[in-house]
Amino acid sequence: LLKGGVPLMALYSPMRRSASMGLLGSMAVLLLVAVAWFSSARATPEVGATLTNFARSPCAMRSTAVFAEEPRKIRQVLEGRVISDKMDKSRTVRVERLVRHPKYHKRMRLSKNYIVHDPLEQTEEGDLVKIGARSPVSKRKTFEVVDIVRKAIK
């Protein structure tokens, strides 16, 4: 039997099955562990030990890591100065960094402007702030204000 020009046995080969066993494989492992745990009182100790050792294997641990709840981590944190606060709930932050010139070895100051989400509008122009990466709020706004390091002197 052919399906789209490919034999059906090729679609259900062991190699193809192992590549697509992501979430279903981890669910099957959890089901096996649960059955072994519930039936461990009636089963022989060898069967329970085998299933328990499989559940502790790196493969099973990797597949169950999807279900672990962790607090949201900020991937990238930068420090810069607010140069504009004219937008609503948005700030422009300039982040400066020192880079060594590849040929002349002089340190150069490079800067980049980021559009930053500030929902409480707590920063003003001249503040030194820490910004962290987040999921995009708009086309150019992919950072948010994490902390105000130093307020501007007015």
C-alpha atoms as a PDB file:
ATOM      1  CA  LEU A   1       0.000   0.000   0.000  1.00  0.00           C
ATOM      2  CA  LEU A   2       1.237   3.449  -0.886  1.00  0.00           C
ATOM      3  CA  LYS A   3       0.441   6.780   0.696  1.00  0.00           C
ATOM      4  CA  GLY A   4       1.593   9.715  -1.379  1.00  0.00           C
ATOM      5  CA  GLY A   5       4.147   7.555  -3.217  1.00  0.00           C
ATOM      6  CA  VAL A   6       5.732   6.286   0.054  1.00  0.00           C
ATOM      7  CA  PRO A   7       5.173   2.717   1.336  1.00  0.00           C
ATOM      8  CA  LEU A   8       3.160   2.672   4.547  1.00  0.00           C
ATOM      9  CA  MET A   9       5.820   0.584   6.295  1.00  0.00           C
ATOM     10  CA  ALA A  10       8.342   3.387   5.680  1.00  0.00           C
ATOM     11  CA  LEU A  11       6.049   5.878   7.389  1.00  0.00           C
ATOM     12  CA  TYR A  12       5.821   3.733  10.516  1.00  0.00           C
ATOM     13  CA  SER A  13       9.407   2.511  10.721  1.00  0.00           C
ATOM     14  CA  PRO A  14      11.149   2.480  14.141  1.00  0.00           C
ATOM     15  CA  MET A  15      13.497   5.319  13.137  1.00  0.00           C
ATOM     16  CA  ARG A  16      10.591   7.573  12.170  1.00  0.00           C
ATOM     17  CA  ARG A  17       8.711   6.690  15.342  1.00  0.00           C
ATOM     18  CA  SER A  18      11.675   7.510  17.598  1.00  0.00           C
ATOM     19  CA  ALA A  19      12.129  10.924  15.995  1.00  0.00           C
ATOM     20  CA  SER A  20       8.519  11.936  16.635  1.00  0.00           C
ATOM     21  CA  MET A  21       8.168  10.625  20.186  1.00  0.00           C
ATOM     22  CA  GLY A  22       8.685  14.001  21.921  1.00  0.00           C
ATOM     23  CA  LEU A  23       5.658  14.736  24.103  1.00  0.00           C
ATOM     24  CA  LEU A  24       3.962  11.372  23.539  1.00  0.00           C
ATOM     25  CA  GLY A  25       7.107   9.544  24.636  1.00  0.00           C
ATOM     26  CA  SER A  26       7.339  11.507  27.861  1.00  0.00           C
ATOM     27  CA  MET A  27       3.638  10.887  28.554  1.00  0.00           C
ATOM     28  CA  ALA A  28       4.212   7.151  28.009  1.00  0.00           C
ATOM     29  CA  VAL A  29       7.171   7.194  30.418  1.00  0.00           C
ATOM     30  CA  LEU A  30       5.069   8.938  33.059  1.00  0.00           C
ATOM     31  CA  LEU A  31       2.286   6.405  32.553  1.00  0.00           C
ATOM     32  CA  LEU A  32       4.731   3.500  32.932  1.00  0.00           C
ATOM     33  CA  VAL A  33       6.168   4.982  36.105  1.00  0.00           C
ATOM     34  CA  ALA A  34       2.701   5.573  37.548  1.00  0.00           C
ATOM     35  CA  VAL A  35       1.584   2.006  36.739  1.00  0.00           C
ATOM     36  CA  ALA A  36       4.773   0.612  38.253  1.00  0.00           C
ATOM     37  CA  TRP A  37       4.314   2.703  41.388  1.00  0.00           C
ATOM     38  CA  PHE A  38       0.684   1.704  41.880  1.00  0.00           C
ATOM     39  CA  SER A  39       1.316  -1.959  41.173  1.00  0.00           C
ATOM     40  CA  SER A  40       4.623  -2.208  43.053  1.00  0.00           C
ATOM     41  CA  ALA A  41       2.890  -3.784  46.059  1.00  0.00           C
ATOM     42  CA  ARG A  42       1.691  -6.727  43.933  1.00  0.00           C
ATOM     43  CA  ALA A  43       4.626  -6.925  41.489  1.00  0.00           C
ATOM     44  CA  THR A  44       7.955  -8.556  42.098  1.00  0.00           C
ATOM     45  CA  PRO A  45      10.741  -6.280  43.374  1.00  0.00           C
ATOM     46  CA  GLU A  46      12.777  -6.776  40.176  1.00  0.00           C
ATOM     47  CA  VAL A  47      10.047  -5.307  37.935  1.00  0.00           C
ATOM     48  CA  GLY A  48       9.574  -2.301  40.201  1.00  0.00           C
ATOM     49  CA  ALA A  49      13.317  -1.686  40.395  1.00  0.00           C
ATOM     50  CA  THR A  50      13.709  -1.912  36.607  1.00  0.00           C
ATOM     51  CA  LEU A  51      10.921   0.605  35.978  1.00  0.00           C
ATOM     52  CA  THR A  52      12.184   2.896  38.739  1.00  0.00           C
ATOM     53  CA  ASN A  53      15.725   2.845  37.303  1.00  0.00           C
ATOM     54  CA  PHE A  54      14.326   3.641  33.851  1.00  0.00           C
ATOM     55  CA  ALA A  55      12.419   6.602  35.280  1.00  0.00           C
ATOM     56  CA  ARG A  56      15.679   7.947  36.726  1.00  0.00           C
ATOM     57  CA  SER A  57      17.554   7.601  33.432  1.00  0.00           C
ATOM     58  CA  PRO A  58      18.728  10.786  31.679  1.00  0.00           C
ATOM     59  CA  CYS A  59      16.349  10.134  28.780  1.00  0.00           C
ATOM     60  CA  ALA A  60      13.300  10.005  31.049  1.00  0.00           C
ATOM     61  CA  MET A  61      14.487  13.020  33.064  1.00  0.00           C
ATOM     62  CA  ARG A  62      14.918  15.052  29.872  1.00  0.00           C
ATOM     63  CA  SER A  63      11.440  14.160  28.617  1.00  0.00           C
ATOM     64  CA  THR A  64       9.731  15.087  31.906  1.00  0.00           C
ATOM     65  CA  ALA A  65      11.551  18.416  32.162  1.00  0.00           C
ATOM     66  CA  VAL A  66       8.807  19.955  30.002  1.00  0.00           C
ATOM     67  CA  PHE A  67       6.342  19.686  32.874  1.00  0.00           C
ATOM     68  CA  ALA A  68       8.505  21.397  35.525  1.00  0.00           C
ATOM     69  CA  GLU A  69       7.296  24.863  36.516  1.00  0.00           C
ATOM     70  CA  GLU A  70      10.063  27.439  36.831  1.00  0.00           C
ATOM     71  CA  PRO A  71       9.930  31.182  37.384  1.00  0.00           C
ATOM     72  CA  ARG A  72      10.521  33.248  34.256  1.00  0.00           C
ATOM     73  CA  LYS A  73      14.215  34.008  33.857  1.00  0.00           C
ATOM     74  CA  ILE A  74      15.443  37.180  32.205  1.00  0.00           C
ATOM     75  CA  ARG A  75      17.796  36.073  29.470  1.00  0.00           C
ATOM     76  CA  GLN A  76      19.729  39.274  28.817  1.00  0.00           C
ATOM     77  CA  VAL A  77      20.258  42.199  31.181  1.00  0.00           C
ATOM     78  CA  LEU A  78      21.817  45.477  30.012  1.00  0.00           C
ATOM     79  CA  GLU A  79      22.481  48.766  31.773  1.00  0.00           C
ATOM     80  CA  GLY A  80      21.956  52.119  30.095  1.00  0.00           C
ATOM     81  CA  ARG A  81      20.741  55.698  30.398  1.00  0.00           C
ATOM     82  CA  VAL A  82      17.236  56.902  29.520  1.00  0.00           C
ATOM     83  CA  ILE A  83      17.620  59.456  26.739  1.00  0.00           C
ATOM     84  CA  SER A  84      13.954  59.990  25.881  1.00  0.00           C
ATOM     85  CA  ASP A  85      10.703  59.638  27.813  1.00  0.00           C
ATOM     86  CA  LYS A  86       8.370  61.288  25.300  1.00  0.00           C
ATOM     87  CA  MET A  87       6.461  58.103  24.368  1.00  0.00           C
ATOM     88  CA  ASP A  88       3.551  56.592  26.272  1.00  0.00           C
ATOM     89  CA  LYS A  89       4.712  53.594  28.397  1.00  0.00           C
ATOM     90  CA  SER A  90       7.961  53.466  26.403  1.00  0.00           C
ATOM     91  CA  ARG A  91      11.448  54.832  26.927  1.00  0.00           C
ATOM     92  CA  THR A  92      14.531  55.079  24.750  1.00  0.00           C
ATOM     93  CA  VAL A  93      17.593  53.725  26.563  1.00  0.00           C
ATOM     94  CA  ARG A  94      21.146  54.129  25.260  1.00  0.00           C
ATOM     95  CA  VAL A  95      23.457  51.246  26.187  1.00  0.00           C
ATOM     96  CA  GLU A  96      27.177  51.967  25.801  1.00  0.00           C
ATOM     97  CA  ARG A  97      29.938  49.395  25.660  1.00  0.00           C
ATOM     98  CA  LEU A  98      33.705  49.529  25.244  1.00  0.00           C
ATOM     99  CA  VAL A  99      35.193  47.554  22.359  1.00  0.00           C
ATOM    100  CA  ARG A 100      38.836  47.169  21.423  1.00  0.00           C
ATOM    101  CA  HIS A 101      39.708  48.078  17.836  1.00  0.00           C
ATOM    102  CA  PRO A 102      41.002  44.975  16.034  1.00  0.00           C
ATOM    103  CA  LYS A 103      43.960  46.736  14.376  1.00  0.00           C
ATOM    104  CA  TYR A 104      44.847  49.752  16.538  1.00  0.00           C
ATOM    105  CA  HIS A 105      43.865  48.225  19.909  1.00  0.00           C
ATOM    106  CA  LYS A 106      42.340  51.442  21.115  1.00  0.00           C
ATOM    107  CA  ARG A 107      39.187  51.129  23.187  1.00  0.00           C
ATOM    108  CA  MET A 108      36.164  52.591  21.416  1.00  0.00           C
ATOM    109  CA  ARG A 109      32.832  53.498  22.968  1.00  0.00           C
ATOM    110  CA  LEU A 110      29.960  52.012  20.943  1.00  0.00           C
ATOM    111  CA  SER A 111      26.328  52.697  21.766  1.00  0.00           C
ATOM    112  CA  LYS A 112      22.964  51.313  20.785  1.00  0.00           C
ATOM    113  CA  ASN A 113      19.488  52.657  21.466  1.00  0.00           C
ATOM    114  CA  TYR A 114      16.755  50.312  22.711  1.00  0.00           C
ATOM    115  CA  ILE A 115      13.025  51.018  22.881  1.00  0.00           C
ATOM    116  CA  VAL A 116      12.063  49.770  26.354  1.00  0.00           C
ATOM    117  CA  HIS A 117       8.665  48.959  27.872  1.00  0.00           C
ATOM    118  CA  ASP A 118       7.953  50.944  31.051  1.00  0.00           C
ATOM    119  CA  PRO A 119       4.278  50.328  31.935  1.00  0.00           C
ATOM    120  CA  LEU A 120       4.356  52.345  35.187  1.00  0.00           C
ATOM    121  CA  GLU A 121       6.220  55.263  33.573  1.00  0.00           C
ATOM    122  CA  GLN A 122       8.513  55.485  36.600  1.00  0.00           C
ATOM    123  CA  THR A 123      11.681  56.529  34.752  1.00  0.00           C
ATOM    124  CA  GLU A 124      12.662  59.978  33.569  1.00  0.00           C
ATOM    125  CA  GLU A 125      15.238  61.293  31.153  1.00  0.00           C
ATOM    126  CA  GLY A 126      18.761  60.874  32.569  1.00  0.00           C
ATOM    127  CA  ASP A 127      17.993  57.858  34.835  1.00  0.00           C
ATOM    128  CA  LEU A 128      20.434  54.954  34.853  1.00  0.00           C
ATOM    129  CA  VAL A 129      18.364  51.759  34.449  1.00  0.00           C
ATOM    130  CA  LYS A 130      18.757  48.013  34.020  1.00  0.00           C
ATOM    131  CA  ILE A 131      16.751  46.576  31.135  1.00  0.00           C
ATOM    132  CA  GLY A 132      15.950  42.928  30.506  1.00  0.00           C
ATOM    133  CA  ALA A 133      14.886  40.982  27.433  1.00  0.00           C
ATOM    134  CA  ARG A 134      11.252  39.884  27.241  1.00  0.00           C
ATOM    135  CA  SER A 135       8.753  38.688  24.666  1.00  0.00           C
ATOM    136  CA  PRO A 136       8.034  41.393  22.091  1.00  0.00           C
ATOM    137  CA  VAL A 137       5.447  44.016  23.019  1.00  0.00           C
ATOM    138  CA  SER A 138       5.608  45.643  19.584  1.00  0.00           C
ATOM    139  CA  LYS A 139       7.838  45.619  16.511  1.00  0.00           C
ATOM    140  CA  ARG A 140      10.863  47.275  18.160  1.00  0.00           C
ATOM    141  CA  LYS A 141      10.016  46.968  21.865  1.00  0.00           C
ATOM    142  CA  THR A 142      11.555  43.725  23.167  1.00  0.00           C
ATOM    143  CA  PHE A 143      13.073  44.953  26.453  1.00  0.00           C
ATOM    144  CA  GLU A 144      11.526  46.092  29.731  1.00  0.00           C
ATOM    145  CA  VAL A 145      12.767  48.165  32.669  1.00  0.00           C
ATOM    146  CA  VAL A 146      13.971  45.758  35.369  1.00  0.00           C
ATOM    147  CA  ASP A 147      15.440  48.174  37.907  1.00  0.00           C
ATOM    148  CA  ILE A 148      16.296  51.846  38.367  1.00  0.00           C
ATOM    149  CA  VAL A 149      19.975  51.960  39.342  1.00  0.00           C
ATOM    150  CA  ARG A 150      20.232  55.746  39.859  1.00  0.00           C
ATOM    151  CA  LYS A 151      17.729  58.543  39.438  1.00  0.00           C
ATOM    152  CA  ALA A 152      18.696  61.617  37.450  1.00  0.00           C
ATOM    153  CA  ILE A 153      19.712  64.750  39.371  1.00  0.00           C
ATOM    154  CA  LYS A 154      17.502  67.685  38.376  1.00  0.00           C
END
